[in-house]
PDB file of N, CA and C in Angstrom:
ATOM      1  N   MET A   1       0.835  -1.208   0.000  1.00  0.00           N
ATOM      2  CA  MET A   1       0.000   0.000   0.000  1.00  0.00           C
ATOM      3  C   MET A   1       0.869   1.257   0.000  1.00  0.00           C
ATOM      4  N   SER A   2       1.975   1.183   0.724  1.00  0.00           N
ATOM      5  CA  SER A   2       2.830   2.369   0.843  1.00  0.00           C
ATOM      6  C   SER A   2       3.631   2.600  -0.434  1.00  0.00           C
ATOM      7  N   ARG A   3       3.674   1.583  -1.306  1.00  0.00           N
ATOM      8  CA  ARG A   3       4.456   1.731  -2.541  1.00  0.00           C
ATOM      9  C   ARG A   3       3.724   2.557  -3.593  1.00  0.00           C
ATOM     10  N   ARG A   4       2.419   2.729  -3.425  1.00  0.00           N
ATOM     11  CA  ARG A   4       1.665   3.507  -4.417  1.00  0.00           C
ATOM     12  C   ARG A   4       2.038   4.984  -4.340  1.00  0.00           C
ATOM     13  N   PRO A   5       2.084   5.674  -5.488  1.00  0.00           N
ATOM     14  CA  PRO A   5       2.448   7.099  -5.518  1.00  0.00           C
ATOM     15  C   PRO A   5       1.450   7.967  -4.755  1.00  0.00           C
ATOM     16  N   ALA A   6       1.913   9.129  -4.326  1.00  0.00           N
ATOM     17  CA  ALA A   6       1.060  10.031  -3.540  1.00  0.00           C
ATOM     18  C   ALA A   6      -0.091  10.574  -4.388  1.00  0.00           C
ATOM     19  N   LEU A   7       0.043  10.476  -5.732  1.00  0.00           N
ATOM     20  CA  LEU A   7      -1.007  11.005  -6.605  1.00  0.00           C
ATOM     21  C   LEU A   7      -2.315  10.252  -6.394  1.00  0.00           C
ATOM     22  N   GLU A   8      -2.233   9.006  -5.932  1.00  0.00           N
ATOM     23  CA  GLU A   8      -3.444   8.215  -5.723  1.00  0.00           C
ATOM     24  C   GLU A   8      -4.048   8.474  -4.347  1.00  0.00           C
ATOM     25  N   HIS A   9      -3.380   9.309  -3.547  1.00  0.00           N
ATOM     26  CA  HIS A   9      -3.876   9.590  -2.197  1.00  0.00           C
ATOM     27  C   HIS A   9      -4.099  11.091  -2.024  1.00  0.00           C
ATOM     28  N   PRO A  10      -5.252  11.615  -2.467  1.00  0.00           N
ATOM     29  CA  PRO A  10      -5.542  13.045  -2.351  1.00  0.00           C
ATOM     30  C   PRO A  10      -5.631  13.500  -0.900  1.00  0.00           C
ATOM     31  N   GLU A  11      -5.675  12.543   0.026  1.00  0.00           N
ATOM     32  CA  GLU A  11      -5.782  12.900   1.443  1.00  0.00           C
ATOM     33  C   GLU A  11      -4.546  13.668   1.908  1.00  0.00           C
ATOM     34  N   THR A  12      -3.407  13.425   1.254  1.00  0.00           N
ATOM     35  CA  THR A  12      -2.170  14.104   1.662  1.00  0.00           C
ATOM     36  C   THR A  12      -2.242  15.584   1.280  1.00  0.00           C
ATOM     37  N   GLY A  13      -3.040  15.903   0.250  1.00  0.00           N
ATOM     38  CA  GLY A  13      -3.177  17.294  -0.166  1.00  0.00           C
ATOM     39  C   GLY A  13      -2.086  17.710  -1.131  1.00  0.00           C
ATOM     40  N   LEU A  14      -1.096  16.825  -1.364  1.00  0.00           N
ATOM     41  CA  LEU A  14       0.009  17.183  -2.267  1.00  0.00           C
ATOM     42  C   LEU A  14      -0.125  16.466  -3.607  1.00  0.00           C
ATOM     43  N   GLY A  15      -1.164  15.659  -3.756  1.00  0.00           N
ATOM     44  CA  GLY A  15      -1.308  14.885  -4.982  1.00  0.00           C
ATOM     45  C   GLY A  15      -1.725  15.732  -6.174  1.00  0.00           C
ATOM     46  N   PHE A  16      -2.533  16.755  -5.948  1.00  0.00           N
ATOM     47  CA  PHE A  16      -3.074  17.543  -7.063  1.00  0.00           C
ATOM     48  C   PHE A  16      -2.287  18.825  -7.303  1.00  0.00           C
ATOM     49  N   VAL A  17      -1.451  19.204  -6.329  1.00  0.00           N
ATOM     50  CA  VAL A  17      -0.710  20.468  -6.459  1.00  0.00           C
ATOM     51  C   VAL A  17       0.268  20.455  -7.632  1.00  0.00           C
ATOM     52  N   PRO A  18       1.068  19.408  -7.803  1.00  0.00           N
ATOM     53  CA  PRO A  18       2.034  19.391  -8.918  1.00  0.00           C
ATOM     54  C   PRO A  18       1.367  19.608 -10.268  1.00  0.00           C
ATOM     55  N   TYR A  19       0.181  19.025 -10.465  1.00  0.00           N
ATOM     56  CA  TYR A  19      -0.508  19.203 -11.741  1.00  0.00           C
ATOM     57  C   TYR A  19      -0.851  20.671 -11.968  1.00  0.00           C
ATOM     58  N   ILE A  20      -1.267  21.377 -10.904  1.00  0.00           N
ATOM     59  CA  ILE A  20      -1.613  22.799 -11.028  1.00  0.00           C
ATOM     60  C   ILE A  20      -0.356  23.599 -11.367  1.00  0.00           C
ATOM     61  N   LEU A  21       0.733  23.300 -10.670  1.00  0.00           N
ATOM     62  CA  LEU A  21       1.983  24.033 -10.921  1.00  0.00           C
ATOM     63  C   LEU A  21       2.448  23.808 -12.354  1.00  0.00           C
ATOM     64  N   VAL A  22       2.401  22.568 -12.807  1.00  0.00           N
ATOM     65  CA  VAL A  22       2.832  22.260 -14.177  1.00  0.00           C
ATOM     66  C   VAL A  22       1.942  22.979 -15.183  1.00  0.00           C
ATOM     67  N   ALA A  23       0.636  22.969 -14.941  1.00  0.00           N
ATOM     68  CA  ALA A  23      -0.298  23.616 -15.867  1.00  0.00           C
ATOM     69  C   ALA A  23      -0.019  25.113 -15.943  1.00  0.00           C
ATOM     70  N   VAL A  24       0.228  25.736 -14.785  1.00  0.00           N
ATOM     71  CA  VAL A  24       0.507  27.184 -14.757  1.00  0.00           C
ATOM     72  C   VAL A  24       1.808  27.485 -15.487  1.00  0.00           C
ATOM     73  N   ILE A  25       2.838  26.681 -15.246  1.00  0.00           N
ATOM     74  CA  ILE A  25       4.131  26.920 -15.905  1.00  0.00           C
ATOM     75  C   ILE A  25       4.002  26.765 -17.413  1.00  0.00           C
ATOM     76  N   VAL A  26       3.334  25.693 -17.845  1.00  0.00           N
ATOM     77  CA  VAL A  26       3.164  25.459 -19.286  1.00  0.00           C
ATOM     78  C   VAL A  26       2.376  26.601 -19.914  1.00  0.00           C
ATOM     79  N   ALA A  27       1.306  27.024 -19.263  1.00  0.00           N
ATOM     80  CA  ALA A  27       0.484  28.108 -19.801  1.00  0.00           C
ATOM     81  C   ALA A  27       1.311  29.389 -19.910  1.00  0.00           C
ATOM     82  N   ALA A  28       2.123  29.669 -18.890  1.00  0.00           N
ATOM     83  CA  ALA A  28       2.946  30.883 -18.910  1.00  0.00           C
ATOM     84  C   ALA A  28       3.944  30.835 -20.058  1.00  0.00           C
ATOM     85  N   VAL A  29       4.566  29.683 -20.251  1.00  0.00           N
ATOM     86  CA  VAL A  29       5.551  29.551 -21.338  1.00  0.00           C
ATOM     87  C   VAL A  29       4.881  29.741 -22.690  1.00  0.00           C
ATOM     88  N   VAL A  30       3.713  29.134 -22.869  1.00  0.00           N
ATOM     89  CA  VAL A  30       2.993  29.263 -24.141  1.00  0.00           C
ATOM     90  C   VAL A  30       2.621  30.717 -24.406  1.00  0.00           C
ATOM     91  N   ILE A  31       2.141  31.410 -23.377  1.00  0.00           N
ATOM     92  CA  ILE A  31       1.753  32.819 -23.534  1.00  0.00           C
ATOM     93  C   ILE A  31       2.967  33.661 -23.916  1.00  0.00           C
ATOM     94  N   VAL A  32       4.086  33.414 -23.252  1.00  0.00           N
ATOM     95  CA  VAL A  32       5.308  34.180 -23.561  1.00  0.00           C
ATOM     96  C   VAL A  32       5.734  33.936 -24.999  1.00  0.00           C
ATOM     97  N   ILE A  33       5.692  32.679 -25.438  1.00  0.00           N
ATOM     98  CA  ILE A  33       6.086  32.358 -26.816  1.00  0.00           C
ATOM     99  C   ILE A  33       5.168  33.064 -27.816  1.00  0.00           C
ATOM    100  N   ILE A  34       3.868  33.050 -27.528  1.00  0.00           N
ATOM    101  CA  ILE A  34       2.905  33.703 -28.432  1.00  0.00           C
ATOM    102  C   ILE A  34       3.184  35.206 -28.493  1.00  0.00           C
ATOM    103  N   LEU A  35       3.434  35.817 -27.339  1.00  0.00           N
ATOM    104  CA  LEU A  35       3.705  37.257 -27.310  1.00  0.00           C
ATOM    105  C   LEU A  35       4.983  37.569 -28.082  1.00  0.00           C
ATOM    106  N   LEU A  36       6.014  36.747 -27.900  1.00  0.00           N
ATOM    107  CA  LEU A  36       7.280  36.987 -28.607  1.00  0.00           C
ATOM    108  C   LEU A  36       7.074  36.854 -30.112  1.00  0.00           C
ATOM    109  N   ARG A  37       6.299  35.861 -30.519  1.00  0.00           N
ATOM    110  CA  ARG A  37       6.050  35.674 -31.955  1.00  0.00           C
ATOM    111  C   ARG A  37       5.275  36.852 -32.518  1.00  0.00           C
ATOM    112  N   ARG A  38       4.290  37.340 -31.752  1.00  0.00           N
ATOM    113  CA  ARG A  38       3.497  38.481 -32.230  1.00  0.00           C
ATOM    114  C   ARG A  38       4.376  39.716 -32.356  1.00  0.00           C
ATOM    115  N   LYS A  39       5.268  39.925 -31.380  1.00  0.00           N
ATOM    116  CA  LYS A  39       6.153  41.090 -31.424  1.00  0.00           C
ATOM    117  C   LYS A  39       7.080  40.996 -32.630  1.00  0.00           C
ATOM    118  N   LYS A  40       7.581  39.800 -32.908  1.00  0.00           N
ATOM    119  CA  LYS A  40       8.482  39.627 -34.053  1.00  0.00           C
ATOM    120  C   LYS A  40       7.737  39.865 -35.364  1.00  0.00           C
ATOM    121  N   LYS A  41       6.470  39.426 -35.427  1.00  0.00           N
ATOM    122  CA  LYS A  41       5.702  39.598 -36.656  1.00  0.00           C
ATOM    123  C   LYS A  41       5.380  41.076 -36.901  1.00  0.00           C
ATOM    124  N   THR A  42       5.053  41.812 -35.836  1.00  0.00           N
ATOM    125  CA  THR A  42       4.695  43.217 -35.995  1.00  0.00           C
ATOM    126  C   THR A  42       5.915  44.030 -36.406  1.00  0.00           C
ATOM    127  N   LYS A  43       7.099  43.641 -35.902  1.00  0.00           N
ATOM    128  CA  LYS A  43       8.334  44.356 -36.281  1.00  0.00           C
ATOM    129  C   LYS A  43       8.807  43.879 -37.620  1.00  0.00           C
TER     130      LYS A  43
END
């Protein structure tokens, strides 16, 4: 039972946090890339 990853145990409260952090980081990177591309196209 203890060998299962913490992701399967939401009771710890840390199982869902990494997914939120990853989603925020990915979204931020995508937004930055889009903004940089738009700036390059306008110039």
